[in-house]
């Protein structure tokens, strides 16, 4: 899981900080330090400290503006806070929003041939994350950042090592639509690995891992 997600989770461990976050998130408008402090029954200085910590993790956004219901007075424009990035935690990591976005784009673009369009879209999404890599070791880093939890395993006698993906980011959907989901996953990983022509993604279903594994491409 990305480091910033853990930082966000840790930021919400404090009950005062969590109460301030919940208050700001529910207002659907910028909130001043004074308003947040009054709502949560804490001092302005304590509210400011916790609100700024939440902003550092991306859970809140900051700006400087006068509240809409108050005329602009003299002095500094107050700092205000509003809801920031959504926080979604899954262990191991899941990426259901990605496959939903791929399918929606495919249906919108080619409703009569949505399956083919979805595979093309999945490959393009993977390619957008691709960087130049050289060999399995660098592929581990890249795929780990995307939540696949890769691990290099020795190949069968006479074969090179393989990169097994221990986590399927689309796990809950595989049982319902195995062929479709595994096909999109395969296309996505192919796109991710497009920075190294020597690497190939292949379908290799196993019960304890992702349906895709990575190997050296044979000449």
N, C-alpha and C. Protein backbone atom coordinates (compact mmCIF):
# COMPACT_ATOMS: atom_id res chain seq x y z
N UNK A 1 0.84 -1.19 0.00
CA UNK A 1 0.00 0.00 0.00
C UNK A 1 0.88 1.24 0.00
N UNK A 2 0.46 2.27 -0.71
CA UNK A 2 1.27 3.48 -0.81
C UNK A 2 1.47 4.10 0.56
N UNK A 3 2.65 4.71 0.74
CA UNK A 3 3.00 5.27 2.04
C UNK A 3 2.02 6.34 2.49
N UNK A 4 1.52 7.15 1.55
CA UNK A 4 0.63 8.24 1.95
C UNK A 4 -0.68 7.73 2.51
N UNK A 5 -1.11 6.52 2.11
CA UNK A 5 -2.34 5.95 2.66
C UNK A 5 -2.14 5.64 4.14
N UNK A 6 -0.98 5.04 4.47
CA UNK A 6 -0.71 4.75 5.88
C UNK A 6 -0.62 6.03 6.69
N UNK A 7 -0.04 7.07 6.10
CA UNK A 7 0.05 8.34 6.80
C UNK A 7 -1.33 8.91 7.07
N UNK A 8 -2.24 8.75 6.10
CA UNK A 8 -3.60 9.25 6.28
C UNK A 8 -4.33 8.48 7.37
N UNK A 9 -4.17 7.17 7.37
CA UNK A 9 -4.80 6.34 8.41
C UNK A 9 -4.27 6.74 9.78
N UNK A 10 -2.95 6.92 9.90
CA UNK A 10 -2.35 7.31 11.17
C UNK A 10 -2.87 8.66 11.63
N UNK A 11 -3.08 9.57 10.67
CA UNK A 11 -3.54 10.91 11.02
C UNK A 11 -4.92 10.88 11.67
N UNK A 12 -5.72 9.89 11.35
CA UNK A 12 -7.09 9.81 11.88
C UNK A 12 -7.17 9.00 13.17
N UNK A 13 -6.03 8.53 13.68
CA UNK A 13 -6.05 7.73 14.91
C UNK A 13 -6.41 8.58 16.12
N UNK A 14 -6.03 9.85 16.12
CA UNK A 14 -6.33 10.74 17.24
C UNK A 14 -7.81 11.11 17.21
N UNK A 15 -8.55 10.95 18.32
CA UNK A 15 -10.00 11.21 18.31
C UNK A 15 -10.37 12.66 18.03
N UNK A 16 -9.57 13.61 18.52
CA UNK A 16 -9.85 15.03 18.24
C UNK A 16 -9.67 15.31 16.76
N UNK A 17 -8.59 14.79 16.20
CA UNK A 17 -8.32 14.99 14.78
C UNK A 17 -9.41 14.37 13.93
N UNK A 18 -9.86 13.20 14.32
CA UNK A 18 -10.92 12.52 13.57
C UNK A 18 -12.23 13.31 13.64
N UNK A 19 -12.54 13.88 14.81
CA UNK A 19 -13.76 14.68 14.95
C UNK A 19 -13.70 15.93 14.08
N UNK A 20 -12.54 16.57 14.04
CA UNK A 20 -12.38 17.76 13.19
C UNK A 20 -12.53 17.40 11.72
N UNK A 21 -11.92 16.27 11.32
CA UNK A 21 -12.02 15.82 9.93
C UNK A 21 -13.47 15.55 9.56
N UNK A 22 -14.20 14.85 10.43
CA UNK A 22 -15.61 14.53 10.15
C UNK A 22 -16.44 15.80 10.03
N UNK A 23 -16.17 16.78 10.90
CA UNK A 23 -16.93 18.03 10.83
C UNK A 23 -16.70 18.74 9.51
N UNK A 24 -15.44 18.91 9.12
CA UNK A 24 -15.15 19.60 7.86
C UNK A 24 -15.74 18.85 6.67
N UNK A 25 -15.60 17.54 6.67
CA UNK A 25 -16.08 16.75 5.53
C UNK A 25 -17.59 16.87 5.36
N UNK A 26 -18.33 17.01 6.44
CA UNK A 26 -19.79 17.03 6.36
C UNK A 26 -20.35 18.41 6.01
N UNK A 27 -19.52 19.44 6.01
CA UNK A 27 -20.04 20.79 5.75
C UNK A 27 -20.20 21.08 4.26
N UNK A 28 -19.44 20.41 3.42
CA UNK A 28 -19.50 20.63 1.96
C UNK A 28 -19.23 22.09 1.59
N UNK A 29 -18.40 22.72 2.37
CA UNK A 29 -17.98 24.10 2.11
C UNK A 29 -16.74 24.36 2.96
N UNK A 30 -15.97 25.39 2.65
CA UNK A 30 -14.79 25.69 3.47
C UNK A 30 -15.16 26.04 4.91
N UNK A 31 -14.34 25.59 5.84
CA UNK A 31 -14.59 25.79 7.27
C UNK A 31 -13.37 26.48 7.89
N UNK A 32 -13.60 27.50 8.73
CA UNK A 32 -12.50 28.19 9.40
C UNK A 32 -12.05 27.40 10.63
N UNK A 33 -10.89 27.76 11.12
CA UNK A 33 -10.38 27.13 12.34
C UNK A 33 -11.31 27.39 13.52
N UNK A 34 -11.83 28.61 13.60
CA UNK A 34 -12.70 28.96 14.71
C UNK A 34 -13.97 28.12 14.69
N UNK A 35 -14.57 27.97 13.50
CA UNK A 35 -15.80 27.20 13.39
C UNK A 35 -15.56 25.74 13.77
N UNK A 36 -14.46 25.17 13.28
CA UNK A 36 -14.16 23.77 13.59
C UNK A 36 -13.89 23.60 15.08
N UNK A 37 -13.19 24.55 15.67
CA UNK A 37 -12.90 24.47 17.11
C UNK A 37 -14.18 24.51 17.93
N UNK A 38 -15.08 25.43 17.60
CA UNK A 38 -16.35 25.54 18.33
C UNK A 38 -17.18 24.26 18.17
N UNK A 39 -17.22 23.72 16.97
CA UNK A 39 -18.05 22.53 16.71
C UNK A 39 -17.55 21.32 17.48
N UNK A 40 -16.24 21.24 17.69
CA UNK A 40 -15.65 20.06 18.34
C UNK A 40 -15.28 20.31 19.80
N UNK A 41 -15.52 21.52 20.30
CA UNK A 41 -15.27 21.80 21.70
C UNK A 41 -13.81 21.83 22.09
N UNK A 42 -12.94 22.34 21.20
CA UNK A 42 -11.52 22.44 21.50
C UNK A 42 -11.07 23.87 21.26
N UNK A 43 -9.86 24.17 21.69
CA UNK A 43 -9.33 25.53 21.50
C UNK A 43 -8.99 25.76 20.03
N UNK A 44 -8.92 27.04 19.65
CA UNK A 44 -8.57 27.37 18.27
C UNK A 44 -7.18 26.88 17.93
N UNK A 45 -6.23 27.04 18.86
CA UNK A 45 -4.86 26.60 18.58
C UNK A 45 -4.78 25.09 18.38
N UNK A 46 -5.49 24.34 19.20
CA UNK A 46 -5.48 22.88 19.05
C UNK A 46 -6.14 22.48 17.73
N UNK A 47 -7.23 23.15 17.39
CA UNK A 47 -7.90 22.85 16.12
C UNK A 47 -6.98 23.16 14.95
N UNK A 48 -6.29 24.29 15.02
CA UNK A 48 -5.38 24.67 13.93
C UNK A 48 -4.28 23.63 13.76
N UNK A 49 -3.72 23.15 14.88
CA UNK A 49 -2.66 22.15 14.81
C UNK A 49 -3.15 20.89 14.10
N UNK A 50 -4.30 20.36 14.52
CA UNK A 50 -4.79 19.12 13.94
C UNK A 50 -5.27 19.30 12.50
N UNK A 51 -5.89 20.42 12.21
CA UNK A 51 -6.35 20.67 10.84
C UNK A 51 -5.17 20.74 9.87
N UNK A 52 -4.10 21.37 10.30
CA UNK A 52 -2.91 21.46 9.44
C UNK A 52 -2.28 20.09 9.23
N UNK A 53 -2.29 19.24 10.26
CA UNK A 53 -1.78 17.88 10.11
C UNK A 53 -2.62 17.10 9.11
N UNK A 54 -3.92 17.27 9.14
CA UNK A 54 -4.80 16.60 8.18
C UNK A 54 -4.54 17.10 6.76
N UNK A 55 -4.25 18.39 6.65
CA UNK A 55 -3.96 18.96 5.33
C UNK A 55 -2.64 18.41 4.78
N UNK A 56 -1.67 18.16 5.66
CA UNK A 56 -0.38 17.63 5.21
C UNK A 56 -0.52 16.26 4.58
N UNK A 57 -1.47 15.47 5.02
CA UNK A 57 -1.68 14.12 4.47
C UNK A 57 -2.57 14.12 3.23
N UNK A 58 -3.17 15.27 2.90
CA UNK A 58 -4.07 15.34 1.75
C UNK A 58 -5.52 15.07 2.07
N UNK A 59 -5.83 14.81 3.36
CA UNK A 59 -7.22 14.55 3.73
C UNK A 59 -8.05 15.83 3.71
N UNK A 60 -7.40 16.97 3.90
CA UNK A 60 -8.08 18.26 3.80
C UNK A 60 -7.31 19.15 2.84
N UNK A 61 -8.02 20.07 2.21
CA UNK A 61 -7.40 21.09 1.38
C UNK A 61 -7.49 22.43 2.11
N UNK A 62 -6.57 23.32 1.81
CA UNK A 62 -6.56 24.63 2.47
C UNK A 62 -6.64 25.75 1.45
N UNK A 63 -7.14 26.87 1.92
CA UNK A 63 -7.20 28.08 1.10
C UNK A 63 -7.31 29.26 2.06
N UNK A 64 -7.22 30.45 1.52
CA UNK A 64 -7.40 31.65 2.32
C UNK A 64 -8.55 32.45 1.70
N UNK A 65 -9.65 32.51 2.44
CA UNK A 65 -10.81 33.24 1.93
C UNK A 65 -11.73 33.60 3.09
N UNK A 66 -12.49 34.67 2.91
CA UNK A 66 -13.45 35.08 3.93
C UNK A 66 -14.69 34.20 3.83
N UNK A 67 -15.29 33.82 4.95
CA UNK A 67 -16.52 33.03 4.90
C UNK A 67 -17.59 33.74 4.10
N UNK A 68 -18.39 32.97 3.37
CA UNK A 68 -19.40 33.56 2.48
C UNK A 68 -20.46 34.33 3.24
N UNK A 69 -20.72 33.97 4.51
CA UNK A 69 -21.79 34.62 5.26
C UNK A 69 -21.29 35.79 6.11
N UNK A 70 -20.01 36.17 5.94
CA UNK A 70 -19.47 37.27 6.73
C UNK A 70 -18.79 38.28 5.80
N UNK A 71 -18.98 39.57 6.04
CA UNK A 71 -18.30 40.57 5.21
C UNK A 71 -16.81 40.54 5.47
N UNK A 72 -16.05 40.88 4.45
CA UNK A 72 -14.58 40.90 4.57
C UNK A 72 -14.17 42.03 5.50
N UNK A 73 -13.44 41.69 6.55
CA UNK A 73 -12.96 42.70 7.48
C UNK A 73 -11.51 43.04 7.23
N UNK A 74 -10.93 43.79 8.16
CA UNK A 74 -9.53 44.13 8.04
C UNK A 74 -8.67 42.97 8.53
N UNK A 75 -7.42 43.02 8.14
CA UNK A 75 -6.50 41.99 8.58
C UNK A 75 -6.38 40.84 7.59
N UNK A 76 -5.72 39.79 8.04
CA UNK A 76 -5.44 38.66 7.16
C UNK A 76 -6.72 37.90 6.83
N UNK A 77 -6.78 37.41 5.61
CA UNK A 77 -7.88 36.54 5.21
C UNK A 77 -7.72 35.21 5.95
N UNK A 78 -8.79 34.71 6.56
CA UNK A 78 -8.65 33.48 7.37
C UNK A 78 -8.34 32.25 6.51
N UNK A 79 -7.63 31.34 7.13
CA UNK A 79 -7.34 30.06 6.51
C UNK A 79 -8.56 29.16 6.67
N UNK A 80 -8.97 28.51 5.60
CA UNK A 80 -10.14 27.64 5.65
C UNK A 80 -9.77 26.25 5.14
N UNK A 81 -10.59 25.29 5.51
CA UNK A 81 -10.33 23.89 5.20
C UNK A 81 -11.56 23.27 4.54
N UNK A 82 -11.31 22.40 3.59
CA UNK A 82 -12.39 21.66 2.94
C UNK A 82 -11.92 20.23 2.70
N UNK A 83 -12.87 19.36 2.37
CA UNK A 83 -12.55 17.95 2.19
C UNK A 83 -11.53 17.77 1.07
N UNK A 84 -10.56 16.89 1.31
CA UNK A 84 -9.51 16.64 0.33
C UNK A 84 -9.70 15.32 -0.37
N UNK A 85 -8.63 14.55 -0.49
CA UNK A 85 -8.67 13.29 -1.21
C UNK A 85 -9.52 12.26 -0.46
N UNK A 86 -10.24 11.43 -1.22
CA UNK A 86 -10.95 10.32 -0.61
C UNK A 86 -9.95 9.33 -0.04
N UNK A 87 -10.32 8.72 1.06
CA UNK A 87 -9.47 7.72 1.69
C UNK A 87 -10.17 6.38 1.65
N UNK A 88 -9.55 5.43 0.97
CA UNK A 88 -10.11 4.09 0.88
C UNK A 88 -9.00 3.10 1.19
N UNK A 89 -9.22 2.28 2.19
CA UNK A 89 -8.20 1.35 2.64
C UNK A 89 -8.67 -0.08 2.45
N UNK A 90 -7.85 -0.87 1.80
CA UNK A 90 -8.12 -2.30 1.63
C UNK A 90 -6.80 -3.05 1.77
N UNK A 91 -6.82 -4.11 2.55
CA UNK A 91 -5.64 -4.93 2.74
C UNK A 91 -6.00 -6.38 2.42
N UNK A 92 -5.39 -6.95 1.36
CA UNK A 92 -4.45 -6.34 0.43
C UNK A 92 -5.13 -5.30 -0.47
N UNK A 93 -4.34 -4.50 -1.19
CA UNK A 93 -4.93 -3.43 -2.01
C UNK A 93 -5.87 -3.94 -3.09
N UNK A 94 -6.98 -3.26 -3.30
CA UNK A 94 -7.91 -3.55 -4.39
C UNK A 94 -8.08 -2.28 -5.23
N UNK A 95 -8.44 -2.48 -6.51
CA UNK A 95 -8.57 -1.32 -7.41
C UNK A 95 -9.83 -1.45 -8.26
N UNK A 96 -10.95 -1.59 -7.59
CA UNK A 96 -12.21 -1.78 -8.30
C UNK A 96 -12.61 -0.55 -9.10
N UNK A 97 -12.20 0.64 -8.63
CA UNK A 97 -12.54 1.85 -9.38
C UNK A 97 -11.86 1.86 -10.74
N UNK A 98 -10.70 1.22 -10.85
CA UNK A 98 -9.98 1.17 -12.12
C UNK A 98 -10.75 0.35 -13.14
N UNK A 99 -11.18 -0.84 -12.74
CA UNK A 99 -11.87 -1.68 -13.70
C UNK A 99 -13.24 -1.10 -14.05
N UNK A 100 -13.88 -0.42 -13.10
CA UNK A 100 -15.15 0.24 -13.40
C UNK A 100 -14.95 1.35 -14.42
N UNK A 101 -13.87 2.11 -14.27
CA UNK A 101 -13.58 3.18 -15.21
C UNK A 101 -13.26 2.63 -16.59
N UNK A 102 -12.50 1.53 -16.64
CA UNK A 102 -12.16 0.91 -17.93
C UNK A 102 -13.43 0.46 -18.65
N UNK A 103 -14.32 -0.22 -17.94
CA UNK A 103 -15.54 -0.72 -18.56
C UNK A 103 -16.46 0.42 -19.00
N UNK A 104 -16.57 1.46 -18.19
CA UNK A 104 -17.42 2.59 -18.56
C UNK A 104 -16.90 3.27 -19.82
N UNK A 105 -15.58 3.46 -19.90
CA UNK A 105 -14.99 4.09 -21.09
C UNK A 105 -15.19 3.22 -22.32
N UNK A 106 -15.08 1.90 -22.16
CA UNK A 106 -15.23 0.99 -23.30
C UNK A 106 -16.65 0.99 -23.83
N UNK A 107 -17.62 0.94 -22.92
CA UNK A 107 -19.03 0.93 -23.34
C UNK A 107 -19.39 2.25 -24.02
N UNK A 108 -18.87 3.36 -23.49
CA UNK A 108 -19.16 4.66 -24.10
C UNK A 108 -18.53 4.78 -25.48
N UNK A 109 -17.37 4.18 -25.68
CA UNK A 109 -16.66 4.33 -26.95
C UNK A 109 -17.13 3.33 -28.00
N UNK A 110 -17.29 2.07 -27.61
CA UNK A 110 -17.66 1.02 -28.55
C UNK A 110 -18.72 0.11 -27.94
N UNK A 111 -19.96 0.57 -27.81
CA UNK A 111 -20.97 -0.25 -27.14
C UNK A 111 -21.23 -1.59 -27.81
N UNK A 112 -21.04 -1.68 -29.11
CA UNK A 112 -21.28 -2.94 -29.81
C UNK A 112 -20.10 -3.90 -29.69
N UNK A 113 -18.95 -3.41 -29.32
CA UNK A 113 -17.75 -4.24 -29.19
C UNK A 113 -17.04 -3.87 -27.89
N UNK A 114 -17.79 -3.88 -26.81
CA UNK A 114 -17.27 -3.39 -25.53
C UNK A 114 -16.13 -4.25 -25.01
N UNK A 115 -16.16 -5.57 -25.27
CA UNK A 115 -15.10 -6.44 -24.77
C UNK A 115 -13.75 -6.08 -25.34
N UNK A 116 -13.68 -5.94 -26.67
CA UNK A 116 -12.42 -5.57 -27.32
C UNK A 116 -11.98 -4.17 -26.89
N UNK A 117 -12.95 -3.26 -26.81
CA UNK A 117 -12.62 -1.89 -26.42
C UNK A 117 -12.10 -1.84 -24.98
N UNK A 118 -12.65 -2.69 -24.12
CA UNK A 118 -12.21 -2.71 -22.73
C UNK A 118 -10.78 -3.20 -22.61
N UNK A 119 -10.41 -4.21 -23.38
CA UNK A 119 -9.03 -4.70 -23.35
C UNK A 119 -8.06 -3.62 -23.85
N UNK A 120 -8.46 -2.92 -24.90
CA UNK A 120 -7.62 -1.83 -25.41
C UNK A 120 -7.48 -0.73 -24.36
N UNK A 121 -8.58 -0.43 -23.70
CA UNK A 121 -8.56 0.61 -22.67
C UNK A 121 -7.70 0.18 -21.49
N UNK A 122 -7.80 -1.08 -21.08
CA UNK A 122 -6.99 -1.58 -19.96
C UNK A 122 -5.51 -1.51 -20.30
N UNK A 123 -5.16 -1.87 -21.53
CA UNK A 123 -3.75 -1.79 -21.95
C UNK A 123 -3.27 -0.33 -21.91
N UNK A 124 -4.11 0.58 -22.38
CA UNK A 124 -3.73 1.99 -22.40
C UNK A 124 -3.55 2.53 -20.98
N UNK A 125 -4.43 2.10 -20.06
CA UNK A 125 -4.29 2.54 -18.67
C UNK A 125 -2.99 2.02 -18.07
N UNK A 126 -2.66 0.76 -18.37
CA UNK A 126 -1.41 0.21 -17.88
C UNK A 126 -0.21 0.92 -18.47
N UNK A 127 -0.28 1.21 -19.75
CA UNK A 127 0.82 1.89 -20.43
C UNK A 127 1.07 3.27 -19.84
N UNK A 128 0.00 3.90 -19.35
CA UNK A 128 0.15 5.22 -18.73
C UNK A 128 1.00 5.16 -17.47
N UNK A 129 1.08 3.98 -16.84
CA UNK A 129 1.90 3.81 -15.64
C UNK A 129 3.27 3.24 -15.97
N UNK A 130 3.51 2.93 -17.24
CA UNK A 130 4.75 2.28 -17.62
C UNK A 130 5.93 3.23 -17.54
N UNK A 131 7.05 2.69 -17.11
CA UNK A 131 8.33 3.40 -17.14
C UNK A 131 9.37 2.44 -17.68
N UNK A 132 10.49 2.94 -18.19
CA UNK A 132 11.52 2.02 -18.67
C UNK A 132 12.01 1.09 -17.56
N UNK A 133 11.89 -0.19 -17.77
CA UNK A 133 12.37 -1.18 -16.80
C UNK A 133 13.28 -2.16 -17.53
N UNK A 134 14.13 -2.81 -16.78
CA UNK A 134 15.07 -3.76 -17.36
C UNK A 134 15.12 -5.00 -16.48
N UNK A 135 14.32 -5.98 -16.82
CA UNK A 135 14.34 -7.24 -16.09
C UNK A 135 13.31 -7.32 -14.99
N UNK A 136 13.22 -8.51 -14.41
CA UNK A 136 12.19 -8.79 -13.41
C UNK A 136 12.36 -7.96 -12.15
N UNK A 137 13.61 -7.71 -11.75
CA UNK A 137 13.83 -6.98 -10.50
C UNK A 137 13.22 -5.59 -10.54
N UNK A 138 13.36 -4.89 -11.64
CA UNK A 138 12.77 -3.55 -11.75
C UNK A 138 11.26 -3.64 -11.94
N UNK A 139 10.79 -4.70 -12.57
CA UNK A 139 9.35 -4.89 -12.71
C UNK A 139 8.69 -5.09 -11.35
N UNK A 140 9.42 -5.70 -10.42
CA UNK A 140 8.90 -5.88 -9.07
C UNK A 140 8.55 -4.52 -8.46
N UNK A 141 9.46 -3.58 -8.57
CA UNK A 141 9.22 -2.24 -8.01
C UNK A 141 7.98 -1.60 -8.63
N UNK A 142 7.88 -1.65 -9.92
CA UNK A 142 6.78 -0.99 -10.62
C UNK A 142 5.43 -1.63 -10.27
N UNK A 143 5.36 -2.95 -10.29
CA UNK A 143 4.10 -3.64 -10.02
C UNK A 143 3.72 -3.58 -8.54
N UNK A 144 4.72 -3.48 -7.67
CA UNK A 144 4.43 -3.35 -6.25
C UNK A 144 3.74 -2.02 -5.96
N UNK A 145 4.18 -0.97 -6.64
CA UNK A 145 3.56 0.34 -6.46
C UNK A 145 2.09 0.33 -6.87
N UNK A 146 1.71 -0.58 -7.76
CA UNK A 146 0.33 -0.67 -8.24
C UNK A 146 -0.49 -1.70 -7.46
N UNK A 147 0.09 -2.27 -6.41
CA UNK A 147 -0.68 -3.14 -5.52
C UNK A 147 -0.70 -4.60 -5.86
N UNK A 148 0.16 -5.07 -6.77
CA UNK A 148 0.12 -6.47 -7.18
C UNK A 148 0.92 -7.40 -6.23
N UNK A 149 1.70 -6.86 -5.35
CA UNK A 149 2.51 -7.64 -4.41
C UNK A 149 3.32 -8.72 -5.15
N UNK A 150 4.21 -8.32 -6.06
CA UNK A 150 4.96 -9.28 -6.88
C UNK A 150 6.07 -9.97 -6.10
N UNK A 151 6.40 -11.18 -6.53
CA UNK A 151 7.50 -11.94 -5.93
C UNK A 151 8.13 -12.80 -7.01
N UNK A 152 9.46 -12.79 -7.06
CA UNK A 152 10.17 -13.60 -8.05
C UNK A 152 10.28 -15.04 -7.53
N UNK A 153 9.90 -15.99 -8.39
CA UNK A 153 10.00 -17.41 -8.05
C UNK A 153 10.84 -18.11 -9.11
N UNK A 154 11.58 -19.13 -8.72
CA UNK A 154 12.38 -19.86 -9.71
C UNK A 154 11.48 -20.60 -10.69
N UNK A 155 11.87 -20.58 -11.95
CA UNK A 155 11.10 -21.28 -12.97
C UNK A 155 11.37 -22.78 -12.91
N UNK A 156 10.66 -23.52 -13.71
CA UNK A 156 10.89 -24.96 -13.80
C UNK A 156 12.27 -25.21 -14.41
N UNK A 157 12.84 -26.42 -14.24
CA UNK A 157 14.17 -26.69 -14.78
C UNK A 157 14.27 -26.33 -16.27
N UNK A 158 15.28 -25.55 -16.60
CA UNK A 158 15.47 -25.12 -17.98
C UNK A 158 14.79 -23.82 -18.33
N UNK A 159 13.93 -23.31 -17.43
CA UNK A 159 13.23 -22.05 -17.67
C UNK A 159 13.77 -20.96 -16.76
N UNK A 160 13.58 -19.71 -17.17
CA UNK A 160 14.02 -18.57 -16.36
C UNK A 160 13.03 -18.34 -15.22
N UNK A 161 13.42 -17.47 -14.29
CA UNK A 161 12.55 -17.15 -13.17
C UNK A 161 11.26 -16.48 -13.67
N UNK A 162 10.23 -16.54 -12.83
CA UNK A 162 8.97 -15.89 -13.15
C UNK A 162 8.60 -14.92 -12.03
N UNK A 163 7.82 -13.95 -12.38
CA UNK A 163 7.35 -12.97 -11.41
C UNK A 163 5.88 -13.28 -11.13
N UNK A 164 5.61 -13.77 -9.94
CA UNK A 164 4.24 -14.11 -9.53
C UNK A 164 3.63 -12.89 -8.86
N UNK A 165 2.38 -12.59 -9.19
CA UNK A 165 1.67 -11.47 -8.60
C UNK A 165 0.77 -12.04 -7.50
N UNK A 166 1.17 -11.84 -6.25
CA UNK A 166 0.48 -12.47 -5.12
C UNK A 166 -0.90 -11.89 -4.85
N UNK A 167 -1.12 -10.66 -5.28
CA UNK A 167 -2.41 -10.02 -5.01
C UNK A 167 -3.12 -9.69 -6.32
N UNK A 168 -4.40 -10.02 -6.39
CA UNK A 168 -5.23 -9.61 -7.53
C UNK A 168 -6.00 -8.35 -7.12
N UNK A 169 -5.75 -7.22 -7.72
CA UNK A 169 -6.47 -5.99 -7.35
C UNK A 169 -7.97 -6.04 -7.64
N UNK A 170 -8.40 -7.05 -8.42
CA UNK A 170 -9.81 -7.16 -8.79
C UNK A 170 -10.43 -8.43 -8.24
N UNK A 171 -9.95 -8.86 -7.08
CA UNK A 171 -10.24 -10.18 -6.52
C UNK A 171 -11.74 -10.52 -6.47
N UNK A 172 -12.56 -9.64 -5.94
CA UNK A 172 -13.97 -9.96 -5.74
C UNK A 172 -14.72 -10.16 -7.05
N UNK A 173 -14.22 -9.61 -8.14
CA UNK A 173 -14.92 -9.71 -9.42
C UNK A 173 -14.53 -10.95 -10.21
N UNK A 174 -13.41 -11.57 -9.87
CA UNK A 174 -12.92 -12.69 -10.66
C UNK A 174 -13.88 -13.87 -10.63
N UNK A 175 -14.45 -14.17 -9.47
CA UNK A 175 -15.34 -15.31 -9.35
C UNK A 175 -16.61 -15.13 -10.18
N UNK A 176 -17.04 -13.88 -10.37
CA UNK A 176 -18.27 -13.62 -11.12
C UNK A 176 -18.04 -13.58 -12.63
N UNK A 177 -16.93 -12.97 -13.04
CA UNK A 177 -16.65 -12.80 -14.47
C UNK A 177 -15.18 -13.12 -14.72
N UNK A 178 -14.82 -14.39 -14.58
CA UNK A 178 -13.41 -14.78 -14.62
C UNK A 178 -12.74 -14.40 -15.93
N UNK A 179 -13.32 -14.80 -17.04
CA UNK A 179 -12.69 -14.56 -18.34
C UNK A 179 -12.52 -13.08 -18.62
N UNK A 180 -13.58 -12.31 -18.35
CA UNK A 180 -13.52 -10.87 -18.62
C UNK A 180 -12.49 -10.18 -17.73
N UNK A 181 -12.57 -10.40 -16.43
CA UNK A 181 -11.71 -9.70 -15.49
C UNK A 181 -10.24 -10.10 -15.68
N UNK A 182 -9.99 -11.40 -15.84
CA UNK A 182 -8.60 -11.84 -16.05
C UNK A 182 -8.05 -11.31 -17.36
N UNK A 183 -8.89 -11.23 -18.38
CA UNK A 183 -8.45 -10.67 -19.65
C UNK A 183 -8.07 -9.20 -19.54
N UNK A 184 -8.87 -8.45 -18.79
CA UNK A 184 -8.55 -7.03 -18.59
C UNK A 184 -7.31 -6.86 -17.74
N UNK A 185 -7.17 -7.70 -16.74
CA UNK A 185 -5.98 -7.66 -15.89
C UNK A 185 -4.72 -7.96 -16.71
N UNK A 186 -4.82 -8.97 -17.57
CA UNK A 186 -3.70 -9.34 -18.44
C UNK A 186 -3.31 -8.16 -19.33
N UNK A 187 -4.31 -7.53 -19.95
CA UNK A 187 -4.03 -6.39 -20.83
C UNK A 187 -3.42 -5.23 -20.05
N UNK A 188 -3.90 -5.01 -18.84
CA UNK A 188 -3.38 -3.92 -18.01
C UNK A 188 -1.91 -4.15 -17.67
N UNK A 189 -1.58 -5.37 -17.24
CA UNK A 189 -0.19 -5.68 -16.88
C UNK A 189 0.71 -5.60 -18.11
N UNK A 190 0.21 -6.04 -19.26
CA UNK A 190 0.98 -5.90 -20.49
C UNK A 190 1.32 -4.44 -20.75
N UNK A 191 0.35 -3.57 -20.53
CA UNK A 191 0.61 -2.14 -20.72
C UNK A 191 1.64 -1.61 -19.74
N UNK A 192 1.54 -2.03 -18.48
CA UNK A 192 2.49 -1.61 -17.46
C UNK A 192 3.92 -2.01 -17.84
N UNK A 193 4.06 -3.21 -18.43
CA UNK A 193 5.38 -3.76 -18.76
C UNK A 193 5.88 -3.34 -20.14
N UNK A 194 5.14 -2.48 -20.82
CA UNK A 194 5.52 -2.12 -22.19
C UNK A 194 6.86 -1.38 -22.25
N UNK A 195 7.37 -0.94 -21.10
CA UNK A 195 8.67 -0.27 -21.09
C UNK A 195 9.85 -1.22 -21.22
N UNK A 196 9.59 -2.54 -21.17
CA UNK A 196 10.66 -3.52 -21.36
C UNK A 196 10.18 -4.60 -22.32
N UNK A 197 10.57 -4.52 -23.60
CA UNK A 197 10.11 -5.50 -24.60
C UNK A 197 10.52 -6.93 -24.29
N UNK A 198 11.47 -7.11 -23.38
CA UNK A 198 11.93 -8.46 -23.06
C UNK A 198 11.03 -9.18 -22.07
N UNK A 199 10.09 -8.44 -21.46
CA UNK A 199 9.19 -9.04 -20.48
C UNK A 199 7.83 -9.29 -21.09
N UNK A 200 7.21 -10.38 -20.67
CA UNK A 200 5.88 -10.74 -21.18
C UNK A 200 4.97 -11.08 -20.02
N UNK A 201 3.72 -10.68 -20.12
CA UNK A 201 2.70 -11.07 -19.16
C UNK A 201 1.91 -12.22 -19.77
N UNK A 202 1.64 -13.23 -18.96
CA UNK A 202 0.88 -14.37 -19.48
C UNK A 202 -0.15 -14.80 -18.44
N UNK A 203 -1.24 -15.36 -18.93
CA UNK A 203 -2.26 -15.88 -18.04
C UNK A 203 -1.79 -17.20 -17.45
N UNK A 204 -1.78 -17.30 -16.14
CA UNK A 204 -1.37 -18.51 -15.44
C UNK A 204 -2.16 -18.59 -14.14
N UNK A 205 -3.47 -18.89 -14.22
CA UNK A 205 -4.32 -18.88 -13.02
C UNK A 205 -3.82 -19.85 -11.96
N UNK A 206 -3.89 -19.40 -10.72
CA UNK A 206 -3.58 -20.24 -9.57
C UNK A 206 -4.44 -19.76 -8.41
N UNK A 207 -4.78 -20.63 -7.49
CA UNK A 207 -5.74 -20.25 -6.44
C UNK A 207 -5.23 -19.22 -5.44
N UNK A 208 -3.93 -19.12 -5.27
CA UNK A 208 -3.38 -18.27 -4.22
C UNK A 208 -2.74 -16.99 -4.76
N UNK A 209 -3.01 -16.61 -6.00
CA UNK A 209 -2.36 -15.44 -6.59
C UNK A 209 -3.20 -14.89 -7.73
N UNK A 210 -2.69 -13.81 -8.31
CA UNK A 210 -3.32 -13.21 -9.48
C UNK A 210 -3.24 -14.18 -10.66
N UNK A 211 -4.14 -14.02 -11.62
CA UNK A 211 -4.18 -14.90 -12.79
C UNK A 211 -3.06 -14.61 -13.78
N UNK A 212 -2.31 -13.54 -13.55
CA UNK A 212 -1.25 -13.13 -14.47
C UNK A 212 0.10 -13.31 -13.80
N UNK A 213 1.08 -13.77 -14.56
CA UNK A 213 2.46 -13.78 -14.10
C UNK A 213 3.35 -13.21 -15.20
N UNK A 214 4.55 -12.83 -14.82
CA UNK A 214 5.47 -12.17 -15.73
C UNK A 214 6.70 -13.04 -15.93
N UNK A 215 7.15 -13.12 -17.17
CA UNK A 215 8.31 -13.94 -17.48
C UNK A 215 9.16 -13.26 -18.55
N UNK A 216 10.34 -13.78 -18.79
CA UNK A 216 11.17 -13.29 -19.87
C UNK A 216 10.59 -13.78 -21.19
N UNK A 217 10.49 -12.89 -22.16
CA UNK A 217 9.95 -13.24 -23.46
C UNK A 217 10.96 -14.13 -24.21
N UNK A 218 10.46 -15.21 -24.77
CA UNK A 218 11.33 -16.11 -25.52
C UNK A 218 11.46 -15.64 -26.96
N UNK A 219 12.67 -15.78 -27.53
CA UNK A 219 12.90 -15.39 -28.93
C UNK A 219 12.24 -16.40 -29.86
